[in-house]
Amino acid sequence: MTRTVLLLGAVLFLTTGSRVFGAGPSPTPESLRRMASDYYRWRDRNNPVASSSQGLHTWDDRLTDYSARAVGERRKHVADLVGQVRASSSTAS
């Protein structure tokens, strides 16, 4: 039963999702890879403690900055990136 509901939901999303959510055609795989790669590099630089715990020891001499200004800048960066992804979805051909 659950599998049927999930399958039905996926079919409905695929057939009506772009009209319901206002999205256009999907961005290219290359542009998504580039955005993801840029994001991961940015994330690793901005959260060196988590990077170190994941095995990337480039910034072992730094701590993550949790000042209000730094947190706000990171939130803005992520919001801008989400906006770029959404824009690429609506302008891709």
PDB file of N, CA and C in Angstrom:
ATOM      1  N   MET A   1       0.825  -1.193   0.000  1.00  0.00           N
ATOM      2  CA  MET A   1       0.000   0.000   0.000  1.00  0.00           C
ATOM      3  C   MET A   1       0.869   1.257   0.000  1.00  0.00           C
ATOM      4  N   THR A   2       1.883   1.312   0.870  1.00  0.00           N
ATOM      5  CA  THR A   2       2.755   2.479   0.950  1.00  0.00           C
ATOM      6  C   THR A   2       3.488   2.691  -0.365  1.00  0.00           C
ATOM      7  N   ARG A   3       3.942   1.600  -0.966  1.00  0.00           N
ATOM      8  CA  ARG A   3       4.650   1.687  -2.240  1.00  0.00           C
ATOM      9  C   ARG A   3       3.737   2.280  -3.311  1.00  0.00           C
ATOM     10  N   THR A   4       2.482   1.898  -3.312  1.00  0.00           N
ATOM     11  CA  THR A   4       1.530   2.415  -4.288  1.00  0.00           C
ATOM     12  C   THR A   4       1.313   3.911  -4.092  1.00  0.00           C
ATOM     13  N   VAL A   5       1.184   4.342  -2.853  1.00  0.00           N
ATOM     14  CA  VAL A   5       0.990   5.763  -2.558  1.00  0.00           C
ATOM     15  C   VAL A   5       2.215   6.564  -2.993  1.00  0.00           C
ATOM     16  N   LEU A   6       3.409   6.061  -2.708  1.00  0.00           N
ATOM     17  CA  LEU A   6       4.626   6.754  -3.118  1.00  0.00           C
ATOM     18  C   LEU A   6       4.729   6.828  -4.638  1.00  0.00           C
ATOM     19  N   LEU A   7       4.416   5.735  -5.320  1.00  0.00           N
ATOM     20  CA  LEU A   7       4.462   5.714  -6.780  1.00  0.00           C
ATOM     21  C   LEU A   7       3.461   6.695  -7.358  1.00  0.00           C
ATOM     22  N   LEU A   8       2.259   6.726  -6.809  1.00  0.00           N
ATOM     23  CA  LEU A   8       1.244   7.666  -7.275  1.00  0.00           C
ATOM     24  C   LEU A   8       1.691   9.104  -7.042  1.00  0.00           C
ATOM     25  N   GLY A   9       2.270   9.381  -5.877  1.00  0.00           N
ATOM     26  CA  GLY A   9       2.773  10.725  -5.595  1.00  0.00           C
ATOM     27  C   GLY A   9       3.861  11.135  -6.559  1.00  0.00           C
ATOM     28  N   ALA A  10       4.771  10.225  -6.878  1.00  0.00           N
ATOM     29  CA  ALA A  10       5.846  10.530  -7.821  1.00  0.00           C
ATOM     30  C   ALA A  10       5.286  10.816  -9.205  1.00  0.00           C
ATOM     31  N   VAL A  11       4.338  10.020  -9.644  1.00  0.00           N
ATOM     32  CA  VAL A  11       3.730  10.239 -10.963  1.00  0.00           C
ATOM     33  C   VAL A  11       3.011  11.580 -11.002  1.00  0.00           C
ATOM     34  N   LEU A  12       2.269  11.901  -9.962  1.00  0.00           N
ATOM     35  CA  LEU A  12       1.573  13.188  -9.919  1.00  0.00           C
ATOM     36  C   LEU A  12       2.552  14.352  -9.934  1.00  0.00           C
ATOM     37  N   PHE A  13       3.636  14.225  -9.180  1.00  0.00           N
ATOM     38  CA  PHE A  13       4.631  15.293  -9.167  1.00  0.00           C
ATOM     39  C   PHE A  13       5.259  15.457 -10.534  1.00  0.00           C
ATOM     40  N   LEU A  14       5.620  14.366 -11.164  1.00  0.00           N
ATOM     41  CA  LEU A  14       6.276  14.446 -12.469  1.00  0.00           C
ATOM     42  C   LEU A  14       5.350  15.008 -13.539  1.00  0.00           C
ATOM     43  N   THR A  15       4.080  14.722 -13.441  1.00  0.00           N
ATOM     44  CA  THR A  15       3.160  15.202 -14.469  1.00  0.00           C
ATOM     45  C   THR A  15       2.638  16.602 -14.197  1.00  0.00           C
ATOM     46  N   THR A  16       2.561  17.014 -12.933  1.00  0.00           N
ATOM     47  CA  THR A  16       2.011  18.336 -12.630  1.00  0.00           C
ATOM     48  C   THR A  16       2.940  19.213 -11.826  1.00  0.00           C
ATOM     49  N   GLY A  17       4.084  18.695 -11.396  1.00  0.00           N
ATOM     50  CA  GLY A  17       4.980  19.419 -10.496  1.00  0.00           C
ATOM     51  C   GLY A  17       5.414  20.756 -11.030  1.00  0.00           C
ATOM     52  N   SER A  18       5.777  20.837 -12.298  1.00  0.00           N
ATOM     53  CA  SER A  18       6.272  22.109 -12.822  1.00  0.00           C
ATOM     54  C   SER A  18       5.175  23.158 -12.859  1.00  0.00           C
ATOM     55  N   ARG A  19       3.933  22.754 -13.092  1.00  0.00           N
ATOM     56  CA  ARG A  19       2.845  23.728 -13.087  1.00  0.00           C
ATOM     57  C   ARG A  19       2.487  24.139 -11.672  1.00  0.00           C
ATOM     58  N   VAL A  20       2.485  23.189 -10.744  1.00  0.00           N
ATOM     59  CA  VAL A  20       2.114  23.488  -9.365  1.00  0.00           C
ATOM     60  C   VAL A  20       3.167  24.348  -8.691  1.00  0.00           C
ATOM     61  N   PHE A  21       4.447  24.035  -8.896  1.00  0.00           N
ATOM     62  CA  PHE A  21       5.516  24.722  -8.203  1.00  0.00           C
ATOM     63  C   PHE A  21       6.140  25.837  -9.027  1.00  0.00           C
ATOM     64  N   GLY A  22       5.679  26.064 -10.234  1.00  0.00           N
ATOM     65  CA  GLY A  22       6.176  27.158 -11.046  1.00  0.00           C
ATOM     66  C   GLY A  22       7.568  26.921 -11.600  1.00  0.00           C
ATOM     67  N   ALA A  23       8.023  25.689 -11.588  1.00  0.00           N
ATOM     68  CA  ALA A  23       9.360  25.398 -12.096  1.00  0.00           C
ATOM     69  C   ALA A  23       9.300  25.106 -13.579  1.00  0.00           C
ATOM     70  N   GLY A  24      10.348  25.459 -14.260  1.00  0.00           N
ATOM     71  CA  GLY A  24      10.457  25.169 -15.681  1.00  0.00           C
ATOM     72  C   GLY A  24      11.257  23.899 -15.875  1.00  0.00           C
ATOM     73  N   PRO A  25      11.879  23.777 -17.029  1.00  0.00           N
ATOM     74  CA  PRO A  25      12.696  22.599 -17.293  1.00  0.00           C
ATOM     75  C   PRO A  25      13.872  22.510 -16.319  1.00  0.00           C
ATOM     76  N   SER A  26      14.386  21.336 -16.159  1.00  0.00           N
ATOM     77  CA  SER A  26      15.487  21.105 -15.224  1.00  0.00           C
ATOM     78  C   SER A  26      16.782  21.720 -15.734  1.00  0.00           C
ATOM     79  N   PRO A  27      17.651  22.163 -14.835  1.00  0.00           N
ATOM     80  CA  PRO A  27      18.969  22.645 -15.241  1.00  0.00           C
ATOM     81  C   PRO A  27      19.803  21.482 -15.761  1.00  0.00           C
ATOM     82  N   THR A  28      20.881  21.792 -16.449  1.00  0.00           N
ATOM     83  CA  THR A  28      21.730  20.740 -17.001  1.00  0.00           C
ATOM     84  C   THR A  28      22.494  20.039 -15.882  1.00  0.00           C
ATOM     85  N   PRO A  29      22.848  18.798 -16.100  1.00  0.00           N
ATOM     86  CA  PRO A  29      23.641  18.095 -15.090  1.00  0.00           C
ATOM     87  C   PRO A  29      24.973  18.798 -14.813  1.00  0.00           C
ATOM     88  N   GLU A  30      25.577  19.365 -15.840  1.00  0.00           N
ATOM     89  CA  GLU A  30      26.853  20.054 -15.648  1.00  0.00           C
ATOM     90  C   GLU A  30      26.700  21.266 -14.731  1.00  0.00           C
ATOM     91  N   SER A  31      25.636  22.042 -14.925  1.00  0.00           N
ATOM     92  CA  SER A  31      25.455  23.225 -14.086  1.00  0.00           C
ATOM     93  C   SER A  31      25.155  22.834 -12.640  1.00  0.00           C
ATOM     94  N   LEU A  32      24.395  21.766 -12.454  1.00  0.00           N
ATOM     95  CA  LEU A  32      24.126  21.293 -11.094  1.00  0.00           C
ATOM     96  C   LEU A  32      25.397  20.780 -10.429  1.00  0.00           C
ATOM     97  N   ARG A  33      26.234  20.059 -11.180  1.00  0.00           N
ATOM     98  CA  ARG A  33      27.503  19.572 -10.624  1.00  0.00           C
ATOM     99  C   ARG A  33      28.394  20.734 -10.221  1.00  0.00           C
ATOM    100  N   ARG A  34      28.449  21.760 -11.071  1.00  0.00           N
ATOM    101  CA  ARG A  34      29.284  22.926 -10.772  1.00  0.00           C
ATOM    102  C   ARG A  34      28.784  23.637  -9.520  1.00  0.00           C
ATOM    103  N   MET A  35      27.470  23.856  -9.434  1.00  0.00           N
ATOM    104  CA  MET A  35      26.900  24.510  -8.248  1.00  0.00           C
ATOM    105  C   MET A  35      27.158  23.684  -6.992  1.00  0.00           C
ATOM    106  N   ALA A  36      26.995  22.373  -7.095  1.00  0.00           N
ATOM    107  CA  ALA A  36      27.215  21.510  -5.933  1.00  0.00           C
ATOM    108  C   ALA A  36      28.686  21.529  -5.527  1.00  0.00           C
ATOM    109  N   SER A  37      29.574  21.445  -6.492  1.00  0.00           N
ATOM    110  CA  SER A  37      31.003  21.463  -6.198  1.00  0.00           C
ATOM    111  C   SER A  37      31.415  22.780  -5.538  1.00  0.00           C
ATOM    112  N   ASP A  38      30.920  23.886  -6.074  1.00  0.00           N
ATOM    113  CA  ASP A  38      31.208  25.195  -5.476  1.00  0.00           C
ATOM    114  C   ASP A  38      30.673  25.272  -4.055  1.00  0.00           C
ATOM    115  N   TYR A  39      29.459  24.760  -3.862  1.00  0.00           N
ATOM    116  CA  TYR A  39      28.871  24.786  -2.524  1.00  0.00           C
ATOM    117  C   TYR A  39      29.698  23.958  -1.548  1.00  0.00           C
ATOM    118  N   TYR A  40      30.091  22.747  -1.935  1.00  0.00           N
ATOM    119  CA  TYR A  40      30.845  21.888  -1.025  1.00  0.00           C
ATOM    120  C   TYR A  40      32.193  22.505  -0.664  1.00  0.00           C
ATOM    121  N   ARG A  41      32.871  23.140  -1.627  1.00  0.00           N
ATOM    122  CA  ARG A  41      34.137  23.820  -1.315  1.00  0.00           C
ATOM    123  C   ARG A  41      33.885  24.968  -0.337  1.00  0.00           C
ATOM    124  N   TRP A  42      32.831  25.745  -0.586  1.00  0.00           N
ATOM    125  CA  TRP A  42      32.477  26.852   0.304  1.00  0.00           C
ATOM    126  C   TRP A  42      32.149  26.325   1.704  1.00  0.00           C
ATOM    127  N   ARG A  43      31.351  25.274   1.772  1.00  0.00           N
ATOM    128  CA  ARG A  43      30.956  24.694   3.055  1.00  0.00           C
ATOM    129  C   ARG A  43      32.175  24.212   3.836  1.00  0.00           C
ATOM    130  N   ASP A  44      33.092  23.549   3.154  1.00  0.00           N
ATOM    131  CA  ASP A  44      34.280  23.046   3.836  1.00  0.00           C
ATOM    132  C   ASP A  44      35.128  24.182   4.409  1.00  0.00           C
ATOM    133  N   ARG A  45      35.259  25.270   3.654  1.00  0.00           N
ATOM    134  CA  ARG A  45      36.026  26.430   4.152  1.00  0.00           C
ATOM    135  C   ARG A  45      35.325  27.096   5.329  1.00  0.00           C
ATOM    136  N   ASN A  46      34.005  27.155   5.284  1.00  0.00           N
ATOM    137  CA  ASN A  46      33.247  27.865   6.308  1.00  0.00           C
ATOM    138  C   ASN A  46      32.924  27.021   7.527  1.00  0.00           C
ATOM    139  N   ASN A  47      33.147  25.733   7.447  1.00  0.00           N
ATOM    140  CA  ASN A  47      32.931  24.862   8.596  1.00  0.00           C
ATOM    141  C   ASN A  47      34.114  23.912   8.709  1.00  0.00           C
ATOM    142  N   PRO A  48      35.285  24.470   9.067  1.00  0.00           N
ATOM    143  CA  PRO A  48      36.500  23.643   9.088  1.00  0.00           C
ATOM    144  C   PRO A  48      36.464  22.510  10.105  1.00  0.00           C
ATOM    145  N   VAL A  49      35.715  22.654  11.177  1.00  0.00           N
ATOM    146  CA  VAL A  49      35.638  21.595  12.182  1.00  0.00           C
ATOM    147  C   VAL A  49      34.948  20.370  11.582  1.00  0.00           C
ATOM    148  N   ALA A  50      33.830  20.584  10.900  1.00  0.00           N
ATOM    149  CA  ALA A  50      33.131  19.470  10.254  1.00  0.00           C
ATOM    150  C   ALA A  50      33.973  18.875   9.135  1.00  0.00           C
ATOM    151  N   SER A  51      34.692  19.721   8.403  1.00  0.00           N
ATOM    152  CA  SER A  51      35.574  19.215   7.343  1.00  0.00           C
ATOM    153  C   SER A  51      36.626  18.288   7.915  1.00  0.00           C
ATOM    154  N   SER A  52      37.221  18.681   9.022  1.00  0.00           N
ATOM    155  CA  SER A  52      38.235  17.845   9.660  1.00  0.00           C
ATOM    156  C   SER A  52      37.643  16.524  10.120  1.00  0.00           C
ATOM    157  N   SER A  53      36.448  16.572  10.673  1.00  0.00           N
ATOM    158  CA  SER A  53      35.841  15.331  11.157  1.00  0.00           C
ATOM    159  C   SER A  53      35.470  14.397  10.008  1.00  0.00           C
ATOM    160  N   GLN A  54      35.341  14.955   8.797  1.00  0.00           N
ATOM    161  CA  GLN A  54      35.049  14.137   7.619  1.00  0.00           C
ATOM    162  C   GLN A  54      36.321  13.694   6.893  1.00  0.00           C
ATOM    163  N   GLY A  55      37.481  14.092   7.410  1.00  0.00           N
ATOM    164  CA  GLY A  55      38.738  13.633   6.839  1.00  0.00           C
ATOM    165  C   GLY A  55      39.474  14.648   5.989  1.00  0.00           C
ATOM    166  N   LEU A  56      38.924  15.846   5.805  1.00  0.00           N
ATOM    167  CA  LEU A  56      39.595  16.898   5.045  1.00  0.00           C
ATOM    168  C   LEU A  56      40.304  17.801   6.050  1.00  0.00           C
ATOM    169  N   HIS A  57      41.616  17.710   6.125  1.00  0.00           N
ATOM    170  CA  HIS A  57      42.371  18.390   7.163  1.00  0.00           C
ATOM    171  C   HIS A  57      43.055  19.669   6.680  1.00  0.00           C
ATOM    172  N   THR A  58      42.513  20.280   5.659  1.00  0.00           N
ATOM    173  CA  THR A  58      43.077  21.503   5.096  1.00  0.00           C
ATOM    174  C   THR A  58      43.052  22.652   6.095  1.00  0.00           C
ATOM    175  N   TRP A  59      42.008  22.735   6.894  1.00  0.00           N
ATOM    176  CA  TRP A  59      41.821  23.862   7.808  1.00  0.00           C
ATOM    177  C   TRP A  59      41.842  23.414   9.264  1.00  0.00           C
ATOM    178  N   ASP A  60      42.698  22.481   9.604  1.00  0.00           N
ATOM    179  CA  ASP A  60      42.772  21.984  10.982  1.00  0.00           C
ATOM    180  C   ASP A  60      43.164  23.065  11.983  1.00  0.00           C
ATOM    181  N   ASP A  61      43.763  24.137  11.497  1.00  0.00           N
ATOM    182  CA  ASP A  61      44.202  25.198  12.410  1.00  0.00           C
ATOM    183  C   ASP A  61      43.118  26.258  12.638  1.00  0.00           C
ATOM    184  N   ARG A  62      41.901  26.028  12.145  1.00  0.00           N
ATOM    185  CA  ARG A  62      40.816  27.008  12.281  1.00  0.00           C
ATOM    186  C   ARG A  62      39.621  26.403  13.002  1.00  0.00           C
ATOM    187  N   LEU A  63      38.813  27.289  13.579  1.00  0.00           N
ATOM    188  CA  LEU A  63      37.536  26.906  14.166  1.00  0.00           C
ATOM    189  C   LEU A  63      36.421  27.587  13.379  1.00  0.00           C
ATOM    190  N   THR A  64      35.246  27.009  13.421  1.00  0.00           N
ATOM    191  CA  THR A  64      34.090  27.600  12.764  1.00  0.00           C
ATOM    192  C   THR A  64      33.701  28.889  13.480  1.00  0.00           C
ATOM    193  N   ASP A  65      33.417  29.923  12.706  1.00  0.00           N
ATOM    194  CA  ASP A  65      33.022  31.230  13.246  1.00  0.00           C
ATOM    195  C   ASP A  65      31.513  31.240  13.450  1.00  0.00           C
ATOM    196  N   TYR A  66      31.090  31.325  14.703  1.00  0.00           N
ATOM    197  CA  TYR A  66      29.663  31.354  15.013  1.00  0.00           C
ATOM    198  C   TYR A  66      29.202  32.737  15.455  1.00  0.00           C
ATOM    199  N   SER A  67      29.915  33.776  15.057  1.00  0.00           N
ATOM    200  CA  SER A  67      29.455  35.128  15.361  1.00  0.00           C
ATOM    201  C   SER A  67      28.178  35.399  14.569  1.00  0.00           C
ATOM    202  N   ALA A  68      27.374  36.333  15.051  1.00  0.00           N
ATOM    203  CA  ALA A  68      26.112  36.654  14.372  1.00  0.00           C
ATOM    204  C   ALA A  68      26.360  37.067  12.924  1.00  0.00           C
ATOM    205  N   ARG A  69      27.403  37.845  12.695  1.00  0.00           N
ATOM    206  CA  ARG A  69      27.714  38.302  11.346  1.00  0.00           C
ATOM    207  C   ARG A  69      28.041  37.125  10.422  1.00  0.00           C
ATOM    208  N   ALA A  70      28.894  36.208  10.901  1.00  0.00           N
ATOM    209  CA  ALA A  70      29.296  35.063  10.081  1.00  0.00           C
ATOM    210  C   ALA A  70      28.113  34.132   9.797  1.00  0.00           C
ATOM    211  N   VAL A  71      27.292  33.897  10.803  1.00  0.00           N
ATOM    212  CA  VAL A  71      26.115  33.051  10.604  1.00  0.00           C
ATOM    213  C   VAL A  71      25.174  33.697   9.590  1.00  0.00           C
ATOM    214  N   GLY A  72      24.979  35.000   9.698  1.00  0.00           N
ATOM    215  CA  GLY A  72      24.129  35.713   8.741  1.00  0.00           C
ATOM    216  C   GLY A  72      24.675  35.645   7.324  1.00  0.00           C
ATOM    217  N   GLU A  73      25.987  35.780   7.181  1.00  0.00           N
ATOM    218  CA  GLU A  73      26.600  35.685   5.853  1.00  0.00           C
ATOM    219  C   GLU A  73      26.425  34.287   5.266  1.00  0.00           C
ATOM    220  N   ARG A  74      26.574  33.261   6.102  1.00  0.00           N
ATOM    221  CA  ARG A  74      26.385  31.897   5.610  1.00  0.00           C
ATOM    222  C   ARG A  74      24.934  31.658   5.216  1.00  0.00           C
ATOM    223  N   ARG A  75      24.007  32.160   5.999  1.00  0.00           N
ATOM    224  CA  ARG A  75      22.587  32.011   5.646  1.00  0.00           C
ATOM    225  C   ARG A  75      22.275  32.704   4.329  1.00  0.00           C
ATOM    226  N   LYS A  76      22.826  33.900   4.148  1.00  0.00           N
ATOM    227  CA  LYS A  76      22.602  34.632   2.908  1.00  0.00           C
ATOM    228  C   LYS A  76      23.193  33.879   1.721  1.00  0.00           C
ATOM    229  N   HIS A  77      24.384  33.331   1.900  1.00  0.00           N
ATOM    230  CA  HIS A  77      25.020  32.579   0.818  1.00  0.00           C
ATOM    231  C   HIS A  77      24.151  31.391   0.400  1.00  0.00           C
ATOM    232  N   VAL A  78      23.641  30.651   1.378  1.00  0.00           N
ATOM    233  CA  VAL A  78      22.800  29.495   1.076  1.00  0.00           C
ATOM    234  C   VAL A  78      21.501  29.944   0.409  1.00  0.00           C
ATOM    235  N   ALA A  79      20.898  31.020   0.892  1.00  0.00           N
ATOM    236  CA  ALA A  79      19.666  31.531   0.275  1.00  0.00           C
ATOM    237  C   ALA A  79      19.922  31.965  -1.164  1.00  0.00           C
ATOM    238  N   ASP A  80      21.063  32.612  -1.411  1.00  0.00           N
ATOM    239  CA  ASP A  80      21.412  33.014  -2.778  1.00  0.00           C
ATOM    240  C   ASP A  80      21.599  31.798  -3.678  1.00  0.00           C
ATOM    241  N   LEU A  81      22.236  30.764  -3.155  1.00  0.00           N
ATOM    242  CA  LEU A  81      22.444  29.550  -3.940  1.00  0.00           C
ATOM    243  C   LEU A  81      21.117  28.878  -4.268  1.00  0.00           C
ATOM    244  N   VAL A  82      20.228  28.811  -3.304  1.00  0.00           N
ATOM    245  CA  VAL A  82      18.902  28.236  -3.557  1.00  0.00           C
ATOM    246  C   VAL A  82      18.184  29.056  -4.631  1.00  0.00           C
ATOM    247  N   GLY A  83      18.323  30.374  -4.577  1.00  0.00           N
ATOM    248  CA  GLY A  83      17.734  31.227  -5.603  1.00  0.00           C
ATOM    249  C   GLY A  83      18.310  30.942  -6.981  1.00  0.00           C
ATOM    250  N   GLN A  84      19.621  30.699  -7.054  1.00  0.00           N
ATOM    251  CA  GLN A  84      20.247  30.369  -8.338  1.00  0.00           C
ATOM    252  C   GLN A  84      19.717  29.046  -8.881  1.00  0.00           C
ATOM    253  N   VAL A  85      19.568  28.062  -8.009  1.00  0.00           N
ATOM    254  CA  VAL A  85      19.045  26.764  -8.441  1.00  0.00           C
ATOM    255  C   VAL A  85      17.621  26.922  -8.948  1.00  0.00           C
ATOM    256  N   ARG A  86      16.819  27.661  -8.215  1.00  0.00           N
ATOM    257  CA  ARG A  86      15.430  27.877  -8.653  1.00  0.00           C
ATOM    258  C   ARG A  86      15.370  28.647  -9.966  1.00  0.00           C
ATOM    259  N   ALA A  87      16.229  29.649 -10.113  1.00  0.00           N
ATOM    260  CA  ALA A  87      16.244  30.429 -11.350  1.00  0.00           C
ATOM    261  C   ALA A  87      16.699  29.570 -12.520  1.00  0.00           C
ATOM    262  N   SER A  88      17.679  28.717 -12.295  1.00  0.00           N
ATOM    263  CA  SER A  88      18.147  27.875 -13.389  1.00  0.00           C
ATOM    264  C   SER A  88      17.071  26.859 -13.790  1.00  0.00           C
ATOM    265  N   SER A  89      16.230  26.461 -12.831  1.00  0.00           N
ATOM    266  CA  SER A  89      15.150  25.548 -13.141  1.00  0.00           C
ATOM    267  C   SER A  89      14.101  26.217 -14.014  1.00  0.00           C
ATOM    268  N   SER A  90      13.888  27.508 -13.809  1.00  0.00           N
ATOM    269  CA  SER A  90      12.840  28.181 -14.576  1.00  0.00           C
ATOM    270  C   SER A  90      13.347  28.760 -15.892  1.00  0.00           C
ATOM    271  N   THR A  91      14.677  28.855 -16.076  1.00  0.00           N
ATOM    272  CA  THR A  91      15.200  29.431 -17.329  1.00  0.00           C
ATOM    273  C   THR A  91      15.901  28.408 -18.192  1.00  0.00           C
ATOM    274  N   ALA A  92      16.121  27.199 -17.689  1.00  0.00           N
ATOM    275  CA  ALA A  92      16.816  26.193 -18.507  1.00  0.00           C
ATOM    276  C   ALA A  92      15.934  25.774 -19.669  1.00  0.00           C
ATOM    277  N   SER A  93      16.581  25.407 -20.769  1.00  0.00           N
ATOM    278  CA  SER A  93      15.782  24.977 -21.929  1.00  0.00           C
ATOM    279  C   SER A  93      16.007  23.534 -22.265  1.00  0.00           C
TER     280      SER A  93
END
